[in-house]
Amino acid sequence: MDINNMTSYLQARFGDQLQVNPPDAWQVETDEFRLLVLLSADQSWLRLLAPLVPVQ
């Protein structure tokens, strides 16, 4: 995936649940999970894609 298309891809997949923290971070928050997406400092590669779920 092209990093330049990250926002549009996440918006298409998660809609209003997406929070964009320009220029290098995205967060998706739902009742079931939270997804954090972070780019490297130079924004050339994906540094972290971390799904977080509550303990049940």
C-alpha atoms as a PDB file:
ATOM      1  CA  MET A   1       0.000   0.000   0.000  1.00  0.00           C
ATOM      2  CA  ASP A   2       1.182   3.488  -0.810  1.00  0.00           C
ATOM      3  CA  ILE A   3       1.556   5.521   2.384  1.00  0.00           C
ATOM      4  CA  ASN A   4       0.062   8.531   0.585  1.00  0.00           C
ATOM      5  CA  ASN A   5      -3.235   6.627   0.338  1.00  0.00           C
ATOM      6  CA  MET A   6      -3.399   5.648   4.020  1.00  0.00           C
ATOM      7  CA  THR A   7      -5.994   8.255   5.053  1.00  0.00           C
ATOM      8  CA  SER A   8      -8.371   7.501   2.182  1.00  0.00           C
ATOM      9  CA  TYR A   9      -8.074   3.736   2.742  1.00  0.00           C
ATOM     10  CA  LEU A  10      -8.765   4.011   6.479  1.00  0.00           C
ATOM     11  CA  GLN A  11     -11.668   6.440   5.889  1.00  0.00           C
ATOM     12  CA  ALA A  12     -13.234   4.047   3.394  1.00  0.00           C
ATOM     13  CA  ARG A  13     -12.868   1.151   5.840  1.00  0.00           C
ATOM     14  CA  PHE A  14     -13.749   2.850   9.155  1.00  0.00           C
ATOM     15  CA  GLY A  15     -15.571   6.090   8.250  1.00  0.00           C
ATOM     16  CA  ASP A  16     -16.224   8.484  11.137  1.00  0.00           C
ATOM     17  CA  GLN A  17     -14.371   6.256  13.587  1.00  0.00           C
ATOM     18  CA  LEU A  18     -11.053   7.399  12.077  1.00  0.00           C
ATOM     19  CA  GLN A  19      -9.049  10.136  13.797  1.00  0.00           C
ATOM     20  CA  VAL A  20      -6.209  11.619  11.733  1.00  0.00           C
ATOM     21  CA  ASN A  21      -3.211  13.129  13.526  1.00  0.00           C
ATOM     22  CA  PRO A  22      -1.202  14.616  10.658  1.00  0.00           C
ATOM     23  CA  PRO A  23       1.250  13.966   9.296  1.00  0.00           C
ATOM     24  CA  ASP A  24       2.165  10.542  10.651  1.00  0.00           C
ATOM     25  CA  ALA A  25      -0.542   8.963  12.812  1.00  0.00           C
ATOM     26  CA  TRP A  26      -4.061   7.563  12.557  1.00  0.00           C
ATOM     27  CA  GLN A  27      -6.344   6.087  15.187  1.00  0.00           C
ATOM     28  CA  VAL A  28      -9.536   4.097  14.806  1.00  0.00           C
ATOM     29  CA  GLU A  29     -11.677   3.790  17.907  1.00  0.00           C
ATOM     30  CA  THR A  30     -14.710   1.494  18.125  1.00  0.00           C
ATOM     31  CA  ASP A  31     -16.540  -0.228  20.979  1.00  0.00           C
ATOM     32  CA  GLU A  32     -14.700  -3.477  20.173  1.00  0.00           C
ATOM     33  CA  PHE A  33     -11.144  -2.277  19.486  1.00  0.00           C
ATOM     34  CA  ARG A  34      -8.701   0.564  18.953  1.00  0.00           C
ATOM     35  CA  LEU A  35      -6.243   0.573  16.056  1.00  0.00           C
ATOM     36  CA  LEU A  36      -3.110   2.732  16.059  1.00  0.00           C
ATOM     37  CA  VAL A  37      -1.184   3.345  12.832  1.00  0.00           C
ATOM     38  CA  LEU A  38       2.140   5.212  12.996  1.00  0.00           C
ATOM     39  CA  LEU A  39       4.660   6.088  10.288  1.00  0.00           C
ATOM     40  CA  SER A  40       8.426   6.329  10.661  1.00  0.00           C
ATOM     41  CA  ALA A  41       9.974   9.738  11.387  1.00  0.00           C
ATOM     42  CA  ASP A  42      10.738  10.296   7.699  1.00  0.00           C
ATOM     43  CA  GLN A  43       7.257   8.977   6.740  1.00  0.00           C
ATOM     44  CA  SER A  44       8.696   6.408   4.346  1.00  0.00           C
ATOM     45  CA  TRP A  45       7.497   3.222   6.083  1.00  0.00           C
ATOM     46  CA  LEU A  46       4.914   1.917   8.517  1.00  0.00           C
ATOM     47  CA  ARG A  47       6.416   1.874  12.002  1.00  0.00           C
ATOM     48  CA  LEU A  48       3.503   0.470  14.007  1.00  0.00           C
ATOM     49  CA  LEU A  49       0.123  -1.079  13.354  1.00  0.00           C
ATOM     50  CA  ALA A  50      -1.230  -2.028  16.777  1.00  0.00           C
ATOM     51  CA  PRO A  51      -4.734  -3.369  17.393  1.00  0.00           C
ATOM     52  CA  LEU A  52      -5.814  -2.976  21.029  1.00  0.00           C
ATOM     53  CA  VAL A  53      -8.770  -4.877  22.468  1.00  0.00           C
ATOM     54  CA  PRO A  54     -10.304  -4.811  25.949  1.00  0.00           C
ATOM     55  CA  VAL A  55      -9.772  -7.732  28.299  1.00  0.00           C
ATOM     56  CA  GLN A  56     -12.961  -9.734  28.656  1.00  0.00           C
END
